[in-house]
Protein backbone atom coordinates (compact mmCIF):
# COMPACT_ATOMS: atom_id res chain seq x y z
CA MET A 1 -25.37 -37.38 10.10
CA LEU A 2 -27.26 -34.84 8.24
CA ALA A 3 -26.88 -36.04 4.56
CA PRO A 4 -27.70 -35.40 2.15
CA VAL A 5 -29.91 -32.92 2.18
CA PRO A 6 -32.08 -32.92 -0.36
CA GLU A 7 -31.91 -28.93 -1.09
CA LEU A 8 -28.60 -28.65 -1.12
CA PRO A 9 -27.02 -31.42 -3.21
CA GLU A 10 -23.37 -29.28 -2.73
CA ILE A 11 -23.57 -31.03 0.33
CA SER A 12 -22.56 -34.71 0.20
CA GLU A 13 -21.82 -35.56 4.45
CA LEU A 14 -22.76 -33.36 7.13
CA GLY A 15 -22.97 -34.41 11.00
CA ARG A 16 -21.18 -34.17 14.33
CA THR A 17 -19.54 -37.39 15.57
CA THR A 18 -19.23 -37.97 19.14
CA GLN A 19 -16.91 -40.80 19.74
CA ARG A 20 -17.15 -42.05 23.19
CA ARG A 21 -15.30 -44.86 23.45
CA SER A 22 -11.52 -44.93 23.25
CA ALA A 23 -10.88 -45.79 20.10
CA GLY A 24 -13.37 -46.34 17.55
CA SER A 25 -12.79 -47.34 13.71
CA LEU A 26 -12.02 -44.71 10.95
CA LEU A 27 -10.20 -46.86 8.16
CA PRO A 28 -8.49 -44.67 5.27
CA HIS A 29 -10.74 -43.07 2.70
CA ARG A 30 -11.25 -40.16 0.06
CA ASN A 31 -14.30 -38.19 0.04
CA ARG A 32 -16.39 -36.61 -2.87
CA GLY A 33 -15.54 -32.98 -1.99
CA ILE A 34 -13.55 -30.63 0.02
CA GLU A 35 -13.69 -31.92 4.15
CA ILE A 36 -13.80 -29.25 6.58
CA CYS A 37 -13.50 -30.51 10.44
CA ALA A 38 -13.77 -28.62 13.70
CA ILE A 39 -12.49 -30.24 17.06
CA HIS A 40 -14.95 -29.41 20.16
CA ALA A 41 -13.32 -32.15 22.51
CA GLY A 42 -10.46 -34.60 22.60
CA ARG A 43 -7.11 -35.51 20.78
CA LEU A 44 -7.33 -37.35 17.37
CA ARG A 45 -4.16 -38.74 15.50
CA TRP A 46 -5.16 -38.17 11.99
CA GLN A 47 -3.30 -39.41 8.86
CA VAL A 48 -3.14 -38.15 5.59
CA GLU A 49 -1.41 -39.26 2.66
CA GLY A 50 0.53 -41.62 4.83
CA GLN A 51 1.59 -38.86 7.12
CA SER A 52 0.28 -38.10 10.69
CA TRP A 53 -0.96 -35.11 12.30
CA ASP A 54 -2.14 -34.20 15.80
CA VAL A 55 -5.42 -32.53 16.16
CA GLU A 56 -6.46 -31.03 18.79
CA THR A 57 -9.56 -29.38 20.35
CA GLY A 58 -9.89 -25.70 19.70
CA GLN A 59 -8.15 -27.06 16.12
CA ALA A 60 -9.57 -27.79 12.41
CA PHE A 61 -8.91 -29.65 9.83
CA VAL A 62 -9.55 -29.89 6.05
CA THR A 63 -8.69 -32.68 3.39
CA LEU A 64 -9.19 -32.27 -0.35
CA PRO A 65 -10.90 -35.04 -2.37
CA TRP A 66 -8.39 -36.60 -3.96
CA GLN A 67 -6.24 -37.12 -0.41
CA TRP A 68 -6.40 -40.48 1.52
CA HIS A 69 -7.17 -39.64 5.14
CA GLY A 70 -8.36 -41.53 8.35
CA GLY A 71 -7.26 -42.02 11.88
CA GLU A 72 -3.83 -43.38 12.06
CA GLY A 73 -3.89 -47.17 11.99
CA GLY A 74 -7.91 -46.56 11.51
CA VAL A 75 -8.41 -45.69 14.42
CA MET A 76 -10.68 -42.41 15.98
CA HIS A 77 -10.12 -41.57 19.56
CA ARG A 78 -12.87 -40.17 21.51
CA SER A 79 -13.79 -36.63 20.63
CA VAL A 80 -16.79 -34.63 19.61
CA LEU A 81 -16.26 -32.97 15.92
CA ASP A 82 -18.35 -30.83 13.35
CA PHE A 83 -17.52 -32.20 9.56
CA VAL A 84 -18.68 -31.30 6.26
CA VAL A 85 -17.70 -32.24 2.47
CA ILE A 86 -18.07 -29.87 0.47
CA ASP A 87 -19.21 -31.34 -3.28
CA LEU A 88 -17.66 -28.83 -5.49
CA PRO A 89 -18.80 -29.67 -9.65
CA ARG A 90 -15.66 -29.71 -10.60
CA CYS A 91 -12.40 -29.54 -7.74
CA GLY A 92 -9.19 -31.38 -8.50
CA ALA A 93 -5.40 -31.92 -7.92
CA LYS A 94 -5.08 -29.76 -11.53
CA GLY A 95 -7.00 -27.63 -13.46
CA SER A 96 -9.63 -25.04 -12.45
CA TRP A 97 -11.86 -25.63 -9.83
CA SER A 98 -15.96 -25.10 -10.64
CA TYR A 99 -17.79 -24.16 -7.56
CA GLY A 100 -21.41 -24.31 -8.78
CA ASP A 101 -24.13 -22.09 -6.91
CA CYS A 102 -21.44 -21.07 -4.20
CA PRO A 103 -22.25 -17.20 -3.56
CA LEU A 104 -18.16 -16.65 -3.61
CA ASP A 105 -17.20 -14.03 -6.15
CA VAL A 106 -14.37 -14.83 -8.87
CA ALA A 107 -11.88 -13.59 -6.90
CA ALA A 108 -12.87 -15.63 -3.88
CA ARG A 109 -12.58 -18.87 -5.90
CA ARG A 110 -9.15 -18.21 -7.26
CA PHE A 111 -8.08 -17.54 -3.75
CA VAL A 112 -9.73 -20.60 -1.83
CA THR A 113 -8.36 -23.06 -4.98
CA ARG A 114 -4.92 -21.71 -4.61
CA SER A 115 -4.65 -21.71 -1.35
CA LEU A 116 -6.31 -25.31 -0.24
CA ARG A 117 -4.80 -26.98 -3.36
CA GLU A 118 -1.26 -26.06 -2.57
CA ASN A 119 -1.63 -26.43 1.19
CA LEU A 120 0.83 -28.37 2.78
CA VAL A 121 -0.04 -28.58 6.39
CA PRO A 122 -3.56 -29.78 7.45
CA VAL A 123 -4.33 -28.85 10.45
CA ILE A 124 -6.20 -25.45 11.52
CA ALA A 125 -4.19 -24.42 14.48
CA ASP A 126 -6.76 -21.99 15.57
CA GLY A 127 -10.18 -23.31 14.66
CA ALA A 128 -12.54 -21.03 16.36
CA ALA A 129 -13.67 -18.97 13.17
CA ILE A 130 -14.70 -22.79 11.68
CA ALA A 131 -16.68 -23.33 14.68
CA ALA A 132 -18.32 -20.68 14.96
CA VAL A 133 -19.51 -21.04 10.96
CA PHE A 134 -21.01 -24.60 11.76
CA GLU A 135 -23.08 -23.12 14.81
CA ARG A 136 -24.62 -21.08 12.22
CA LEU A 137 -25.38 -23.88 9.87
CA TRP A 138 -26.48 -25.69 12.68
CA SER A 139 -28.98 -23.09 13.83
CA GLU A 140 -30.37 -23.18 10.21
CA LEU A 141 -30.90 -26.71 9.51
CA ARG A 142 -32.66 -26.80 12.90
CA THR A 143 -34.71 -23.77 12.33
CA ARG A 144 -35.17 -23.73 8.48
CA ARG A 145 -36.83 -20.26 8.25
CA PRO A 146 -37.68 -18.80 5.24
CA GLY A 147 -34.28 -18.44 2.69
CA TRP A 148 -32.49 -20.82 4.75
CA GLN A 149 -30.75 -22.95 1.55
CA SER A 150 -29.55 -19.47 0.87
CA MET A 151 -28.61 -18.64 4.12
CA VAL A 152 -26.61 -22.68 4.77
CA ARG A 153 -25.08 -21.79 1.54
CA GLY A 154 -23.27 -18.62 2.74
CA HIS A 155 -22.05 -20.61 5.76
CA LEU A 156 -20.75 -23.56 3.25
CA ALA A 157 -18.76 -20.43 1.12
CA GLU A 158 -17.69 -18.88 4.94
CA LEU A 159 -16.02 -21.97 5.61
CA LEU A 160 -13.72 -22.60 2.43
CA LEU A 161 -13.37 -18.72 2.68
CA SER A 162 -12.16 -19.33 6.53
CA ALA A 163 -10.06 -23.05 5.80
CA ALA A 164 -8.58 -21.21 2.65
CA ARG A 165 -7.35 -18.23 5.16
CA ALA A 166 -6.20 -20.06 7.83
CA VAL A 167 -3.83 -22.39 5.58
CA TYR A 168 -2.39 -19.63 3.54
CA ALA A 169 0.86 -18.78 3.37
CA PRO A 170 0.96 -15.78 2.25
CA ALA A 171 4.49 -13.54 1.36
CA PRO A 172 5.65 -11.35 4.67
CA GLU A 173 3.93 -8.51 5.25
CA GLY A 174 4.89 -5.52 3.60
CA ALA A 175 5.23 -7.45 0.44
CA SER A 176 3.45 -5.39 -2.05
CA ASP A 177 5.87 -5.46 -5.05
CA PRO A 178 3.08 -7.41 -7.20
CA ALA A 179 6.51 -9.32 -9.27
CA VAL A 180 8.03 -9.81 -6.07
CA SER A 181 4.96 -11.00 -3.63
CA THR A 182 4.40 -13.52 -6.52
CA ALA A 183 7.39 -15.07 -6.70
CA LEU A 184 7.56 -15.14 -2.70
CA HIS A 185 4.00 -17.34 -2.61
CA LEU A 186 5.71 -19.62 -5.93
CA ILE A 187 8.52 -20.11 -3.93
CA ALA A 188 6.78 -20.43 -0.53
CA GLN A 189 5.19 -23.42 -1.96
CA ARG A 190 7.81 -25.56 -3.66
CA LEU A 191 10.73 -24.90 -0.40
CA ASP A 192 11.94 -28.62 -1.82
CA GLU A 193 13.74 -27.25 -4.60
CA PRO A 194 16.76 -25.92 -4.59
CA TRP A 195 16.28 -22.05 -5.03
CA GLN A 196 19.18 -20.34 -5.78
CA LEU A 197 19.08 -16.01 -6.60
CA ASP A 198 19.07 -16.76 -10.14
CA ASP A 199 16.14 -19.31 -10.20
CA MET A 200 13.91 -17.21 -7.73
CA ALA A 201 14.84 -13.85 -10.01
CA ALA A 202 13.52 -15.81 -13.06
CA ALA A 203 10.06 -16.76 -11.10
CA ALA A 204 9.62 -13.14 -10.47
CA GLY A 205 11.06 -11.71 -14.07
CA ILE A 206 13.30 -9.56 -12.57
CA ALA A 207 17.19 -9.40 -13.00
CA ARG A 208 19.01 -10.76 -10.22
CA THR A 209 20.53 -7.87 -8.58
CA ARG A 210 17.23 -5.59 -8.91
CA PHE A 211 15.05 -8.63 -7.56
CA ALA A 212 17.40 -8.61 -4.15
CA GLU A 213 16.86 -4.98 -4.07
CA ARG A 214 12.91 -5.69 -4.16
CA VAL A 215 12.85 -8.07 -1.57
CA GLN A 216 14.88 -6.51 0.93
CA ALA A 217 12.78 -3.62 0.42
CA ALA A 218 9.31 -5.34 0.04
CA THR A 219 10.17 -8.00 3.40
CA GLY A 220 13.28 -6.26 5.00
CA MET A 221 15.60 -9.36 4.35
CA SER A 222 17.54 -10.76 1.34
CA PRO A 223 16.07 -13.35 -0.76
CA HIS A 224 18.23 -16.24 0.82
CA ARG A 225 17.65 -14.90 4.35
CA TRP A 226 13.67 -14.59 3.54
CA LEU A 227 13.89 -17.85 2.02
CA LEU A 228 15.84 -19.83 5.53
CA ARG A 229 12.70 -18.12 7.46
CA THR A 230 10.26 -19.33 5.31
CA ARG A 231 11.71 -22.70 5.57
CA LEU A 232 12.18 -22.86 8.80
CA GLU A 233 9.04 -21.69 9.88
CA ARG A 234 7.42 -24.40 7.66
CA ALA A 235 9.50 -26.95 10.01
CA GLN A 236 7.87 -25.32 12.90
CA ALA A 237 4.85 -26.52 11.85
CA ALA A 238 5.40 -29.25 10.62
CA LEU A 239 7.37 -30.40 13.77
CA ARG A 240 4.67 -29.35 15.89
CA TYR A 241 1.36 -30.96 13.84
CA GLY A 242 3.17 -33.69 12.03
CA THR A 243 4.72 -37.42 13.41
CA ALA A 244 7.38 -37.04 10.50
CA PRO A 245 11.08 -37.88 11.49
CA ILE A 246 12.97 -34.83 11.75
CA THR A 247 15.19 -35.95 8.59
CA SER A 248 12.45 -36.16 6.33
CA ILE A 249 10.98 -32.65 7.47
CA ALA A 250 14.41 -31.36 6.76
CA LEU A 251 15.07 -32.47 3.31
CA ASP A 252 10.71 -31.42 2.74
CA CYS A 253 11.61 -28.05 3.67
CA GLY A 254 14.53 -27.97 1.34
CA PHE A 255 17.42 -28.42 3.28
CA ALA A 256 19.73 -30.59 2.08
CA SER A 257 20.80 -32.26 4.88
CA SER A 258 19.51 -32.68 8.53
CA GLN A 259 23.22 -31.40 10.15
CA HIS A 260 22.35 -28.51 7.78
CA PHE A 261 18.94 -28.10 9.08
CA ALA A 262 19.81 -29.06 12.78
CA GLY A 263 22.40 -25.93 12.58
CA ALA A 264 20.02 -23.36 11.14
CA PHE A 265 17.04 -24.85 13.64
CA ARG A 266 19.43 -24.26 16.87
CA ARG A 267 20.79 -20.79 15.46
CA GLU A 268 17.26 -19.29 14.82
CA PHE A 269 14.89 -20.25 17.99
CA GLY A 270 17.87 -21.27 19.98
CA CYS A 271 17.02 -25.06 20.98
CA THR A 272 17.17 -28.36 18.54
CA ALA A 273 14.48 -29.45 16.73
CA SER A 274 13.68 -32.35 19.10
CA ALA A 275 13.59 -30.08 22.43
CA TRP A 276 11.05 -27.47 20.05
CA ARG A 277 8.99 -30.52 19.22
CA ALA A 278 8.68 -32.46 22.54
CA GLY A 279 7.81 -29.05 23.88
CA SER A 280 5.53 -28.10 21.55
CA LEU A 281 3.08 -31.31 22.46
């Protein structure tokens, strides 16, 4: 571990961990900042706020300061990973975040704040971009050529933005209508709520008939079809990377019952949720 780096106080922790034994110890803990990890080898069983997630070679992971996390059962399996904890001046579950000397512009800061704070799936399926940033960061720290502090700060900003892009759940492609796009993004972050057309239209500040027309024009789907598809895609991600019971996933994604979810999932994907989960392992 190379932390703290005196010249870069925003780095709370930084290192490459090689767990050679079949099982080491990593008890539940919280960090001072945003932790981003890239998995180079092995497979981890990670637990965040009581929910378990499988993280494999080539993937990445992000956790926030208020989230308890660690190895499932306090165990860290054989693996090699890079990690950094970026300690922003202010970074909470509510309110605005403060980025200090981080070289992100205002729009990027807002995007990172919204995407990471609202993220529900901490596993990043394709961690290649994040792993590549870590390599550049290590190179700067090893060589410490002129301007290395600025370069490292740039790489920290790149890690934050890469993680935010990876977990971002945008409205479907083509949703260029600002009011509709904003409403769909809000709904996608609150899928467990019992959304009806009136509620969805109110979120956009549009009359229900006009809202339905604009959603159809923007996404190619009716509001209810878009909502169902978004819930099912979120459930797919939870089935693949998490270990929560299928009934819990169904309810968290806004389905009224496990039976309702089971029927919708089979119609959409042609198999049961349990078969899809088994096939994705």
